[in-house]
Protein backbone atom coordinates (compact mmCIF):
# COMPACT_ATOMS: atom_id res chain seq x y z
CA UNK A 1 0.00 0.00 0.00
CA UNK A 2 1.35 3.42 -0.96
CA UNK A 3 1.44 5.79 2.03
CA UNK A 4 2.70 9.34 2.50
CA UNK A 5 4.44 10.70 5.57
CA UNK A 6 1.30 12.06 7.23
CA UNK A 7 -0.59 8.82 6.61
CA UNK A 8 2.22 6.85 8.23
CA UNK A 9 2.18 9.15 11.25
CA UNK A 10 -1.62 8.89 11.59
CA UNK A 11 -1.55 5.09 11.34
CA UNK A 12 1.21 4.93 13.92
CA UNK A 13 -0.87 7.08 16.27
CA UNK A 14 -4.00 4.90 16.09
CA UNK A 15 -2.19 1.68 16.95
CA UNK A 16 -3.32 0.13 20.23
CA UNK A 17 -0.99 0.26 23.20
CA UNK A 18 -2.45 -2.78 24.94
CA UNK A 19 -3.42 -6.29 23.96
CA UNK A 20 -2.25 -9.86 24.15
CA UNK A 21 1.36 -10.75 23.35
CA UNK A 22 0.55 -11.74 19.76
CA UNK A 23 -1.14 -8.39 19.16
CA UNK A 24 1.77 -6.53 20.76
CA UNK A 25 4.24 -8.34 18.51
CA UNK A 26 2.15 -7.34 15.48
CA UNK A 27 2.06 -3.74 16.71
CA UNK A 28 5.84 -3.69 17.09
CA UNK A 29 6.18 -4.85 13.49
CA UNK A 30 3.78 -2.14 12.35
CA UNK A 31 5.67 0.52 14.28
CA UNK A 32 8.90 -0.54 12.59
CA UNK A 33 7.30 -0.37 9.13
CA UNK A 34 5.64 3.00 9.72
CA UNK A 35 8.56 4.79 11.37
CA UNK A 36 10.54 7.02 9.03
CA UNK A 37 14.16 6.04 8.49
CA UNK A 38 17.06 8.43 9.05
CA UNK A 39 17.45 8.69 5.26
CA UNK A 40 13.76 9.62 4.85
CA UNK A 41 14.02 12.24 7.59
CA UNK A 42 17.07 13.78 5.89
CA UNK A 43 15.56 13.59 2.39
CA UNK A 44 12.33 15.31 3.43
CA UNK A 45 13.96 17.93 5.65
CA UNK A 46 11.78 16.89 8.58
CA UNK A 47 12.18 19.02 11.68
CA UNK A 48 10.35 20.02 14.84
CA UNK A 49 9.04 23.61 14.83
CA UNK A 50 6.81 25.01 17.55
CA UNK A 51 5.95 21.50 18.82
CA UNK A 52 4.93 20.34 15.32
CA UNK A 53 6.73 18.19 12.83
CA UNK A 54 7.20 19.84 9.45
CA UNK A 55 8.89 18.73 6.27
CA UNK A 56 9.82 20.34 2.98
CA UNK A 57 9.37 17.44 0.58
CA UNK A 58 6.54 14.91 0.48
CA UNK A 59 7.67 11.34 0.31
CA UNK A 60 5.59 8.23 -0.17
CA UNK A 61 6.55 4.60 -0.04
CA UNK A 62 4.93 1.26 -0.57
CA UNK A 63 4.47 -0.77 2.59
CA UNK A 64 3.49 -4.41 2.43
CA UNK A 65 1.30 -5.33 5.40
CA UNK A 66 0.83 -8.89 6.60
CA UNK A 67 -2.68 -10.21 7.15
CA UNK A 68 -2.39 -9.75 10.92
CA UNK A 69 -1.08 -6.20 10.47
CA UNK A 70 -4.02 -5.33 8.19
CA UNK A 71 -6.42 -6.84 10.72
CA UNK A 72 -4.89 -4.78 13.53
CA UNK A 73 -5.25 -1.57 11.53
CA UNK A 74 -8.78 -2.28 10.32
CA UNK A 75 -9.92 -3.39 13.78
CA UNK A 76 -8.74 -0.08 15.20
CA UNK A 77 -10.42 1.91 12.45
CA UNK A 78 -13.64 -0.05 13.08
CA UNK A 79 -13.37 0.59 16.81
CA UNK A 80 -12.97 4.34 16.28
CA UNK A 81 -16.00 4.26 13.99
CA UNK A 82 -18.13 2.26 16.44
CA UNK A 83 -17.19 4.58 19.30
CA UNK A 84 -18.10 7.62 17.22
CA UNK A 85 -14.47 8.78 17.39
CA UNK A 86 -13.77 8.70 13.65
CA UNK A 87 -12.29 12.00 12.52
CA UNK A 88 -12.01 13.79 9.20
CA UNK A 89 -8.22 13.61 9.26
CA UNK A 90 -8.49 9.81 9.21
CA UNK A 91 -10.96 9.70 6.31
CA UNK A 92 -8.29 9.03 3.68
CA UNK A 93 -7.02 6.08 5.70
CA UNK A 94 -10.57 4.75 6.13
CA UNK A 95 -10.96 4.91 2.36
CA UNK A 96 -7.59 3.22 1.69
CA UNK A 97 -8.44 0.40 4.05
CA UNK A 98 -12.16 0.29 3.14
CA UNK A 99 -11.69 -2.99 1.31
CA UNK A 100 -10.40 -4.40 4.58
CA UNK A 101 -13.21 -3.03 6.81
C-alpha atoms as a PDB file:
ATOM      1  CA  UNK A   1       0.000   0.000   0.000  1.00  0.00           C
ATOM      2  CA  UNK A   2       1.351   3.423  -0.959  1.00  0.00           C
ATOM      3  CA  UNK A   3       1.444   5.794   2.029  1.00  0.00           C
ATOM      4  CA  UNK A   4       2.700   9.338   2.505  1.00  0.00           C
ATOM      5  CA  UNK A   5       4.436  10.704   5.574  1.00  0.00           C
ATOM      6  CA  UNK A   6       1.300  12.059   7.234  1.00  0.00           C
ATOM      7  CA  UNK A   7      -0.592   8.816   6.614  1.00  0.00           C
ATOM      8  CA  UNK A   8       2.217   6.847   8.231  1.00  0.00           C
ATOM      9  CA  UNK A   9       2.178   9.151  11.253  1.00  0.00           C
ATOM     10  CA  UNK A  10      -1.617   8.886  11.587  1.00  0.00           C
ATOM     11  CA  UNK A  11      -1.551   5.094  11.342  1.00  0.00           C
ATOM     12  CA  UNK A  12       1.214   4.927  13.922  1.00  0.00           C
ATOM     13  CA  UNK A  13      -0.874   7.084  16.272  1.00  0.00           C
ATOM     14  CA  UNK A  14      -4.003   4.900  16.094  1.00  0.00           C
ATOM     15  CA  UNK A  15      -2.186   1.675  16.948  1.00  0.00           C
ATOM     16  CA  UNK A  16      -3.321   0.134  20.225  1.00  0.00           C
ATOM     17  CA  UNK A  17      -0.985   0.261  23.203  1.00  0.00           C
ATOM     18  CA  UNK A  18      -2.447  -2.780  24.936  1.00  0.00           C
ATOM     19  CA  UNK A  19      -3.417  -6.287  23.965  1.00  0.00           C
ATOM     20  CA  UNK A  20      -2.249  -9.860  24.152  1.00  0.00           C
ATOM     21  CA  UNK A  21       1.355 -10.750  23.345  1.00  0.00           C
ATOM     22  CA  UNK A  22       0.553 -11.742  19.755  1.00  0.00           C
ATOM     23  CA  UNK A  23      -1.140  -8.388  19.164  1.00  0.00           C
ATOM     24  CA  UNK A  24       1.774  -6.530  20.761  1.00  0.00           C
ATOM     25  CA  UNK A  25       4.237  -8.341  18.509  1.00  0.00           C
ATOM     26  CA  UNK A  26       2.148  -7.340  15.482  1.00  0.00           C
ATOM     27  CA  UNK A  27       2.061  -3.737  16.714  1.00  0.00           C
ATOM     28  CA  UNK A  28       5.838  -3.688  17.093  1.00  0.00           C
ATOM     29  CA  UNK A  29       6.183  -4.852  13.489  1.00  0.00           C
ATOM     30  CA  UNK A  30       3.780  -2.138  12.345  1.00  0.00           C
ATOM     31  CA  UNK A  31       5.671   0.517  14.285  1.00  0.00           C
ATOM     32  CA  UNK A  32       8.902  -0.540  12.587  1.00  0.00           C
ATOM     33  CA  UNK A  33       7.300  -0.372   9.129  1.00  0.00           C
ATOM     34  CA  UNK A  34       5.636   3.001   9.718  1.00  0.00           C
ATOM     35  CA  UNK A  35       8.563   4.789  11.366  1.00  0.00           C
ATOM     36  CA  UNK A  36      10.544   7.024   9.034  1.00  0.00           C
ATOM     37  CA  UNK A  37      14.161   6.043   8.487  1.00  0.00           C
ATOM     38  CA  UNK A  38      17.059   8.431   9.052  1.00  0.00           C
ATOM     39  CA  UNK A  39      17.446   8.693   5.264  1.00  0.00           C
ATOM     40  CA  UNK A  40      13.763   9.616   4.846  1.00  0.00           C
ATOM     41  CA  UNK A  41      14.017  12.244   7.586  1.00  0.00           C
ATOM     42  CA  UNK A  42      17.066  13.780   5.892  1.00  0.00           C
ATOM     43  CA  UNK A  43      15.562  13.589   2.394  1.00  0.00           C
ATOM     44  CA  UNK A  44      12.325  15.310   3.432  1.00  0.00           C
ATOM     45  CA  UNK A  45      13.956  17.930   5.648  1.00  0.00           C
ATOM     46  CA  UNK A  46      11.776  16.885   8.579  1.00  0.00           C
ATOM     47  CA  UNK A  47      12.183  19.024  11.683  1.00  0.00           C
ATOM     48  CA  UNK A  48      10.352  20.024  14.836  1.00  0.00           C
ATOM     49  CA  UNK A  49       9.039  23.608  14.832  1.00  0.00           C
ATOM     50  CA  UNK A  50       6.806  25.005  17.549  1.00  0.00           C
ATOM     51  CA  UNK A  51       5.952  21.497  18.824  1.00  0.00           C
ATOM     52  CA  UNK A  52       4.929  20.341  15.320  1.00  0.00           C
ATOM     53  CA  UNK A  53       6.734  18.193  12.826  1.00  0.00           C
ATOM     54  CA  UNK A  54       7.199  19.842   9.450  1.00  0.00           C
ATOM     55  CA  UNK A  55       8.888  18.726   6.272  1.00  0.00           C
ATOM     56  CA  UNK A  56       9.821  20.339   2.980  1.00  0.00           C
ATOM     57  CA  UNK A  57       9.371  17.438   0.584  1.00  0.00           C
ATOM     58  CA  UNK A  58       6.542  14.910   0.480  1.00  0.00           C
ATOM     59  CA  UNK A  59       7.667  11.336   0.314  1.00  0.00           C
ATOM     60  CA  UNK A  60       5.592   8.234  -0.168  1.00  0.00           C
ATOM     61  CA  UNK A  61       6.548   4.603  -0.038  1.00  0.00           C
ATOM     62  CA  UNK A  62       4.931   1.258  -0.570  1.00  0.00           C
ATOM     63  CA  UNK A  63       4.467  -0.772   2.590  1.00  0.00           C
ATOM     64  CA  UNK A  64       3.492  -4.414   2.433  1.00  0.00           C
ATOM     65  CA  UNK A  65       1.305  -5.327   5.397  1.00  0.00           C
ATOM     66  CA  UNK A  66       0.835  -8.886   6.596  1.00  0.00           C
ATOM     67  CA  UNK A  67      -2.676 -10.206   7.150  1.00  0.00           C
ATOM     68  CA  UNK A  68      -2.390  -9.755  10.924  1.00  0.00           C
ATOM     69  CA  UNK A  69      -1.082  -6.196  10.469  1.00  0.00           C
ATOM     70  CA  UNK A  70      -4.017  -5.331   8.189  1.00  0.00           C
ATOM     71  CA  UNK A  71      -6.420  -6.839  10.718  1.00  0.00           C
ATOM     72  CA  UNK A  72      -4.889  -4.782  13.533  1.00  0.00           C
ATOM     73  CA  UNK A  73      -5.250  -1.566  11.529  1.00  0.00           C
ATOM     74  CA  UNK A  74      -8.783  -2.282  10.324  1.00  0.00           C
ATOM     75  CA  UNK A  75      -9.920  -3.394  13.784  1.00  0.00           C
ATOM     76  CA  UNK A  76      -8.745  -0.077  15.202  1.00  0.00           C
ATOM     77  CA  UNK A  77     -10.418   1.912  12.449  1.00  0.00           C
ATOM     78  CA  UNK A  78     -13.643  -0.046  13.076  1.00  0.00           C
ATOM     79  CA  UNK A  79     -13.365   0.586  16.811  1.00  0.00           C
ATOM     80  CA  UNK A  80     -12.967   4.336  16.279  1.00  0.00           C
ATOM     81  CA  UNK A  81     -16.001   4.264  13.988  1.00  0.00           C
ATOM     82  CA  UNK A  82     -18.128   2.258  16.442  1.00  0.00           C
ATOM     83  CA  UNK A  83     -17.185   4.584  19.296  1.00  0.00           C
ATOM     84  CA  UNK A  84     -18.095   7.618  17.218  1.00  0.00           C
ATOM     85  CA  UNK A  85     -14.474   8.780  17.386  1.00  0.00           C
ATOM     86  CA  UNK A  86     -13.771   8.704  13.651  1.00  0.00           C
ATOM     87  CA  UNK A  87     -12.291  11.997  12.519  1.00  0.00           C
ATOM     88  CA  UNK A  88     -12.010  13.789   9.197  1.00  0.00           C
ATOM     89  CA  UNK A  89      -8.217  13.615   9.264  1.00  0.00           C
ATOM     90  CA  UNK A  90      -8.489   9.810   9.214  1.00  0.00           C
ATOM     91  CA  UNK A  91     -10.964   9.705   6.311  1.00  0.00           C
ATOM     92  CA  UNK A  92      -8.293   9.033   3.680  1.00  0.00           C
ATOM     93  CA  UNK A  93      -7.023   6.085   5.698  1.00  0.00           C
ATOM     94  CA  UNK A  94     -10.571   4.748   6.125  1.00  0.00           C
ATOM     95  CA  UNK A  95     -10.955   4.909   2.357  1.00  0.00           C
ATOM     96  CA  UNK A  96      -7.588   3.225   1.688  1.00  0.00           C
ATOM     97  CA  UNK A  97      -8.441   0.395   4.051  1.00  0.00           C
ATOM     98  CA  UNK A  98     -12.162   0.286   3.140  1.00  0.00           C
ATOM     99  CA  UNK A  99     -11.691  -2.989   1.313  1.00  0.00           C
ATOM    100  CA  UNK A 100     -10.404  -4.403   4.580  1.00  0.00           C
ATOM    101  CA  UNK A 101     -13.210  -3.030   6.813  1.00  0.00           C
END
